[in-house]
N, C-alpha and C. Protein backbone atom coordinates (compact mmCIF):
# COMPACT_ATOMS: atom_id res chain seq x y z
N UNK A 1 19.47 48.08 -34.27
CA UNK A 1 18.90 47.87 -32.94
C UNK A 1 17.51 48.49 -32.90
N UNK A 2 16.55 47.71 -32.44
CA UNK A 2 15.17 48.19 -32.48
C UNK A 2 14.34 47.53 -31.40
N UNK A 3 13.41 48.30 -30.83
CA UNK A 3 12.38 47.78 -29.95
C UNK A 3 11.04 48.14 -30.57
N UNK A 4 10.16 47.18 -30.68
CA UNK A 4 8.86 47.42 -31.28
C UNK A 4 7.77 46.92 -30.34
N UNK A 5 6.95 47.87 -29.87
CA UNK A 5 5.83 47.52 -29.01
C UNK A 5 4.59 47.23 -29.86
N UNK A 6 3.73 46.40 -29.32
CA UNK A 6 2.44 46.12 -29.95
C UNK A 6 1.47 45.64 -28.88
N UNK A 7 0.20 45.57 -29.26
CA UNK A 7 -0.81 45.03 -28.37
C UNK A 7 -1.73 46.06 -27.75
N UNK A 8 -1.44 47.33 -27.95
CA UNK A 8 -2.32 48.35 -27.41
C UNK A 8 -3.67 48.35 -28.11
N UNK A 9 -4.69 48.80 -27.37
CA UNK A 9 -6.04 48.75 -27.94
C UNK A 9 -6.97 49.57 -27.06
N UNK A 10 -8.20 49.68 -27.51
CA UNK A 10 -9.27 50.27 -26.70
C UNK A 10 -9.93 49.12 -25.94
N UNK A 11 -10.03 49.26 -24.63
CA UNK A 11 -10.60 48.19 -23.81
C UNK A 11 -11.49 48.81 -22.74
N UNK A 12 -12.50 48.08 -22.34
CA UNK A 12 -13.40 48.57 -21.30
C UNK A 12 -12.76 48.42 -19.92
N UNK A 13 -13.18 49.26 -18.98
CA UNK A 13 -12.68 49.09 -17.60
C UNK A 13 -12.93 47.67 -17.10
N UNK A 14 -11.94 47.14 -16.42
CA UNK A 14 -12.01 45.76 -15.95
C UNK A 14 -11.45 44.76 -16.93
N UNK A 15 -11.15 45.19 -18.13
CA UNK A 15 -10.62 44.29 -19.15
C UNK A 15 -9.13 44.05 -19.00
N UNK A 16 -8.60 43.29 -19.95
CA UNK A 16 -7.19 42.91 -19.92
C UNK A 16 -6.55 43.15 -21.29
N UNK A 17 -5.28 43.37 -21.27
CA UNK A 17 -4.48 43.47 -22.49
C UNK A 17 -3.11 42.88 -22.21
N UNK A 18 -2.49 42.38 -23.27
CA UNK A 18 -1.09 41.97 -23.17
C UNK A 18 -0.29 42.75 -24.19
N UNK A 19 0.65 43.53 -23.70
CA UNK A 19 1.54 44.28 -24.57
C UNK A 19 2.80 43.46 -24.82
N UNK A 20 3.34 43.63 -26.02
CA UNK A 20 4.58 42.95 -26.40
C UNK A 20 5.64 43.98 -26.77
N UNK A 21 6.88 43.62 -26.51
CA UNK A 21 8.01 44.46 -26.90
C UNK A 21 9.06 43.53 -27.49
N UNK A 22 9.17 43.55 -28.81
CA UNK A 22 10.10 42.68 -29.51
C UNK A 22 11.39 43.42 -29.83
N UNK A 23 12.50 42.78 -29.53
CA UNK A 23 13.81 43.40 -29.76
C UNK A 23 14.49 42.77 -30.95
N UNK A 24 15.26 43.58 -31.65
CA UNK A 24 16.12 43.08 -32.71
C UNK A 24 17.46 43.80 -32.60
N UNK A 25 18.52 43.09 -32.91
CA UNK A 25 19.84 43.69 -32.88
C UNK A 25 20.55 43.57 -31.55
N UNK A 26 19.88 43.10 -30.53
CA UNK A 26 20.52 42.86 -29.25
C UNK A 26 19.67 41.86 -28.48
N UNK A 27 20.24 41.31 -27.42
CA UNK A 27 19.57 40.28 -26.64
C UNK A 27 18.93 40.90 -25.41
N UNK A 28 17.59 40.84 -25.38
CA UNK A 28 16.84 41.47 -24.29
C UNK A 28 17.28 40.97 -22.91
N UNK A 29 17.54 39.69 -22.82
CA UNK A 29 17.81 39.09 -21.51
C UNK A 29 19.13 39.57 -20.90
N UNK A 30 19.90 40.30 -21.66
CA UNK A 30 21.16 40.84 -21.14
C UNK A 30 20.99 42.19 -20.47
N UNK A 31 19.78 42.73 -20.55
CA UNK A 31 19.53 44.08 -20.06
C UNK A 31 18.40 44.12 -19.05
N UNK A 32 18.46 45.14 -18.18
CA UNK A 32 17.27 45.48 -17.41
C UNK A 32 16.23 46.01 -18.40
N UNK A 33 15.01 45.54 -18.25
CA UNK A 33 13.93 45.96 -19.13
C UNK A 33 12.90 46.74 -18.33
N UNK A 34 12.35 47.74 -18.96
CA UNK A 34 11.38 48.61 -18.29
C UNK A 34 10.18 48.84 -19.19
N UNK A 35 9.02 48.92 -18.56
CA UNK A 35 7.81 49.40 -19.21
C UNK A 35 7.44 50.74 -18.55
N UNK A 36 7.18 51.73 -19.40
CA UNK A 36 6.75 53.04 -18.95
C UNK A 36 5.38 53.35 -19.55
N UNK A 37 4.69 54.23 -18.89
CA UNK A 37 3.40 54.73 -19.39
C UNK A 37 3.48 56.26 -19.42
N UNK A 38 2.94 56.82 -20.49
CA UNK A 38 2.81 58.27 -20.58
C UNK A 38 1.36 58.61 -20.81
N UNK A 39 0.72 59.16 -19.79
CA UNK A 39 -0.68 59.57 -19.90
C UNK A 39 -0.74 60.89 -20.66
N UNK A 40 -1.87 61.19 -21.25
CA UNK A 40 -2.01 62.46 -21.99
C UNK A 40 -1.65 63.66 -21.13
N UNK A 41 -0.73 64.48 -21.61
CA UNK A 41 -0.35 65.69 -20.90
C UNK A 41 0.57 65.49 -19.72
N UNK A 42 1.08 64.26 -19.54
CA UNK A 42 1.96 63.99 -18.41
C UNK A 42 3.28 63.39 -18.87
N UNK A 43 4.22 63.29 -17.95
CA UNK A 43 5.50 62.69 -18.25
C UNK A 43 5.44 61.18 -18.18
N UNK A 44 6.50 60.53 -18.60
CA UNK A 44 6.56 59.07 -18.55
C UNK A 44 6.76 58.62 -17.12
N UNK A 45 6.01 57.59 -16.74
CA UNK A 45 6.16 57.01 -15.42
C UNK A 45 6.47 55.53 -15.54
N UNK A 46 7.31 55.07 -14.64
CA UNK A 46 7.73 53.68 -14.66
C UNK A 46 6.59 52.80 -14.15
N UNK A 47 6.34 51.73 -14.87
CA UNK A 47 5.25 50.82 -14.53
C UNK A 47 5.78 49.50 -13.99
N UNK A 48 6.76 48.93 -14.68
CA UNK A 48 7.28 47.62 -14.29
C UNK A 48 8.69 47.47 -14.82
N UNK A 49 9.44 46.58 -14.18
CA UNK A 49 10.82 46.33 -14.62
C UNK A 49 11.17 44.86 -14.42
N UNK A 50 12.20 44.44 -15.15
CA UNK A 50 12.69 43.08 -15.03
C UNK A 50 14.20 43.10 -15.17
N UNK A 51 14.88 42.38 -14.28
CA UNK A 51 16.33 42.29 -14.35
C UNK A 51 16.74 41.18 -15.31
N UNK A 52 18.01 41.13 -15.71
CA UNK A 52 18.46 40.02 -16.55
C UNK A 52 18.24 38.66 -15.89
N UNK A 53 18.30 38.62 -14.58
CA UNK A 53 18.09 37.35 -13.87
C UNK A 53 16.61 36.98 -13.76
N UNK A 54 15.75 37.89 -14.15
CA UNK A 54 14.31 37.58 -14.13
C UNK A 54 13.57 38.18 -12.94
N UNK A 55 14.24 38.91 -12.10
CA UNK A 55 13.57 39.58 -11.00
C UNK A 55 12.65 40.67 -11.52
N UNK A 56 11.52 40.83 -10.85
CA UNK A 56 10.54 41.81 -11.33
C UNK A 56 10.19 42.81 -10.23
N UNK A 57 9.75 43.97 -10.65
CA UNK A 57 9.30 45.00 -9.73
C UNK A 57 8.19 45.79 -10.39
N UNK A 58 7.29 46.28 -9.56
CA UNK A 58 6.13 47.03 -10.05
C UNK A 58 6.02 48.33 -9.28
N UNK A 59 5.54 49.33 -9.96
CA UNK A 59 5.56 50.68 -9.40
C UNK A 59 4.17 51.29 -9.47
N UNK A 60 3.91 52.16 -8.49
CA UNK A 60 2.61 52.82 -8.45
C UNK A 60 1.50 51.80 -8.26
N UNK A 61 0.46 51.93 -9.06
CA UNK A 61 -0.71 51.06 -8.97
C UNK A 61 -0.61 49.92 -9.99
N UNK A 62 0.57 49.33 -10.12
CA UNK A 62 0.80 48.33 -11.16
C UNK A 62 0.79 46.91 -10.65
N UNK A 63 0.25 46.71 -9.46
CA UNK A 63 0.18 45.36 -8.92
C UNK A 63 -0.74 44.45 -9.72
N UNK A 64 -1.52 45.05 -10.61
CA UNK A 64 -2.43 44.27 -11.47
C UNK A 64 -1.72 43.82 -12.74
N UNK A 65 -0.48 44.20 -12.90
CA UNK A 65 0.28 43.92 -14.10
C UNK A 65 1.33 42.85 -13.84
N UNK A 66 1.72 42.16 -14.90
CA UNK A 66 2.78 41.16 -14.82
C UNK A 66 3.74 41.35 -15.98
N UNK A 67 5.01 41.55 -15.68
CA UNK A 67 6.03 41.62 -16.72
C UNK A 67 6.66 40.24 -16.87
N UNK A 68 6.89 39.84 -18.10
CA UNK A 68 7.51 38.55 -18.35
C UNK A 68 8.37 38.65 -19.60
N UNK A 69 9.15 37.59 -19.82
CA UNK A 69 10.09 37.62 -20.94
C UNK A 69 10.14 36.24 -21.59
N UNK A 70 10.19 36.23 -22.90
CA UNK A 70 10.39 35.00 -23.67
C UNK A 70 11.74 35.13 -24.37
N UNK A 71 12.74 34.47 -23.84
CA UNK A 71 14.09 34.62 -24.40
C UNK A 71 14.18 34.08 -25.82
N UNK A 72 13.45 33.03 -26.11
CA UNK A 72 13.49 32.45 -27.46
C UNK A 72 12.96 33.43 -28.50
N UNK A 73 11.98 34.24 -28.09
CA UNK A 73 11.39 35.21 -29.01
C UNK A 73 12.02 36.59 -28.86
N UNK A 74 12.93 36.71 -27.89
CA UNK A 74 13.56 38.00 -27.62
C UNK A 74 12.52 39.11 -27.42
N UNK A 75 11.54 38.78 -26.61
CA UNK A 75 10.38 39.64 -26.42
C UNK A 75 10.04 39.74 -24.94
N UNK A 76 9.65 40.93 -24.53
CA UNK A 76 9.14 41.16 -23.19
C UNK A 76 7.67 41.51 -23.29
N UNK A 77 6.92 41.07 -22.30
CA UNK A 77 5.47 41.28 -22.29
C UNK A 77 5.06 42.05 -21.04
N UNK A 78 3.92 42.69 -21.15
CA UNK A 78 3.27 43.29 -19.99
C UNK A 78 1.81 42.87 -20.03
N UNK A 79 1.47 41.95 -19.15
CA UNK A 79 0.08 41.52 -19.00
C UNK A 79 -0.61 42.48 -18.04
N UNK A 80 -1.69 43.09 -18.51
CA UNK A 80 -2.40 44.08 -17.71
C UNK A 80 -3.82 43.59 -17.48
N UNK A 81 -4.18 43.43 -16.23
CA UNK A 81 -5.52 42.96 -15.85
C UNK A 81 -6.25 44.03 -15.06
N UNK A 82 -7.56 43.86 -14.97
CA UNK A 82 -8.39 44.79 -14.19
C UNK A 82 -8.09 46.24 -14.56
N UNK A 83 -8.07 46.51 -15.83
CA UNK A 83 -7.67 47.83 -16.30
C UNK A 83 -8.64 48.91 -15.85
N UNK A 84 -8.05 50.08 -15.58
CA UNK A 84 -8.81 51.24 -15.12
C UNK A 84 -8.63 52.38 -16.12
N UNK A 85 -9.53 53.33 -16.14
CA UNK A 85 -9.36 54.48 -17.05
C UNK A 85 -8.03 55.20 -16.84
N UNK A 86 -7.54 55.22 -15.62
CA UNK A 86 -6.26 55.90 -15.36
C UNK A 86 -5.05 55.13 -15.90
N UNK A 87 -5.26 53.94 -16.41
CA UNK A 87 -4.18 53.19 -17.08
C UNK A 87 -4.01 53.66 -18.53
N UNK A 88 -4.89 54.52 -18.98
CA UNK A 88 -4.81 55.03 -20.35
C UNK A 88 -3.51 55.77 -20.58
N UNK A 89 -2.91 55.51 -21.73
CA UNK A 89 -1.69 56.20 -22.10
C UNK A 89 -0.94 55.45 -23.18
N UNK A 90 0.21 56.01 -23.53
CA UNK A 90 1.10 55.33 -24.45
C UNK A 90 2.13 54.57 -23.64
N UNK A 91 2.28 53.30 -23.95
CA UNK A 91 3.19 52.43 -23.21
C UNK A 91 4.45 52.22 -24.03
N UNK A 92 5.58 52.41 -23.37
CA UNK A 92 6.88 52.27 -24.01
C UNK A 92 7.71 51.22 -23.28
N UNK A 93 8.49 50.47 -24.05
CA UNK A 93 9.49 49.63 -23.42
C UNK A 93 10.86 50.25 -23.63
N UNK A 94 11.73 49.93 -22.70
CA UNK A 94 13.06 50.56 -22.68
C UNK A 94 14.10 49.55 -22.22
N UNK A 95 15.23 49.56 -22.88
CA UNK A 95 16.38 48.77 -22.47
C UNK A 95 17.61 49.63 -22.75
N UNK A 96 18.35 49.92 -21.71
CA UNK A 96 19.55 50.75 -21.86
C UNK A 96 19.16 52.07 -22.52
N UNK A 97 19.72 52.38 -23.65
CA UNK A 97 19.39 53.64 -24.33
C UNK A 97 18.34 53.45 -25.41
N UNK A 98 17.81 52.27 -25.51
CA UNK A 98 16.87 51.96 -26.59
C UNK A 98 15.43 52.09 -26.13
N UNK A 99 14.63 52.73 -26.95
CA UNK A 99 13.21 52.92 -26.70
C UNK A 99 12.42 52.47 -27.92
N UNK A 100 11.23 51.92 -27.64
CA UNK A 100 10.32 51.65 -28.73
C UNK A 100 9.52 52.89 -29.08
N UNK A 101 8.64 52.75 -30.05
CA UNK A 101 7.84 53.87 -30.52
C UNK A 101 6.57 54.06 -29.71
N UNK A 102 6.24 53.07 -28.89
CA UNK A 102 5.07 53.16 -28.04
C UNK A 102 3.86 52.48 -28.64
N UNK A 103 2.96 52.04 -27.77
CA UNK A 103 1.69 51.46 -28.19
C UNK A 103 0.59 52.06 -27.31
N UNK A 104 -0.52 52.43 -27.93
CA UNK A 104 -1.56 53.18 -27.24
C UNK A 104 -2.55 52.24 -26.55
N UNK A 105 -2.77 52.51 -25.28
CA UNK A 105 -3.79 51.80 -24.50
C UNK A 105 -4.83 52.82 -24.06
N UNK A 106 -6.07 52.55 -24.38
CA UNK A 106 -7.17 53.40 -23.96
C UNK A 106 -8.18 52.55 -23.20
N UNK A 107 -8.45 52.94 -21.97
CA UNK A 107 -9.42 52.23 -21.14
C UNK A 107 -10.63 53.13 -20.95
N UNK A 108 -11.70 52.74 -21.58
CA UNK A 108 -12.89 53.58 -21.58
C UNK A 108 -14.12 52.74 -21.89
N UNK A 109 -15.24 53.14 -21.30
CA UNK A 109 -16.50 52.47 -21.61
C UNK A 109 -17.23 53.19 -22.74
């Protein structure tokens, strides 16, 4: 069982990124899926979630983000637009007790 995030990068303020979270060993669509962010020196905070039925929710200042899922690829995405420096951090996906290793997003000019 594994979750692998990718897509993190250095981007300028106002830019966009799409993060991916690919699952193996279990079916993503059977679980609630979560994206978390951990800023330097801070704890993990919930950014977005998706239910097995496809319902979505966003937390904090995440209205600029969109969580989606591709069942055929067993992958969840986080589309992030209008990025701000405060979006900087390591982004993790989570399903049940499973966590990925994280992908780094840095928003800086």
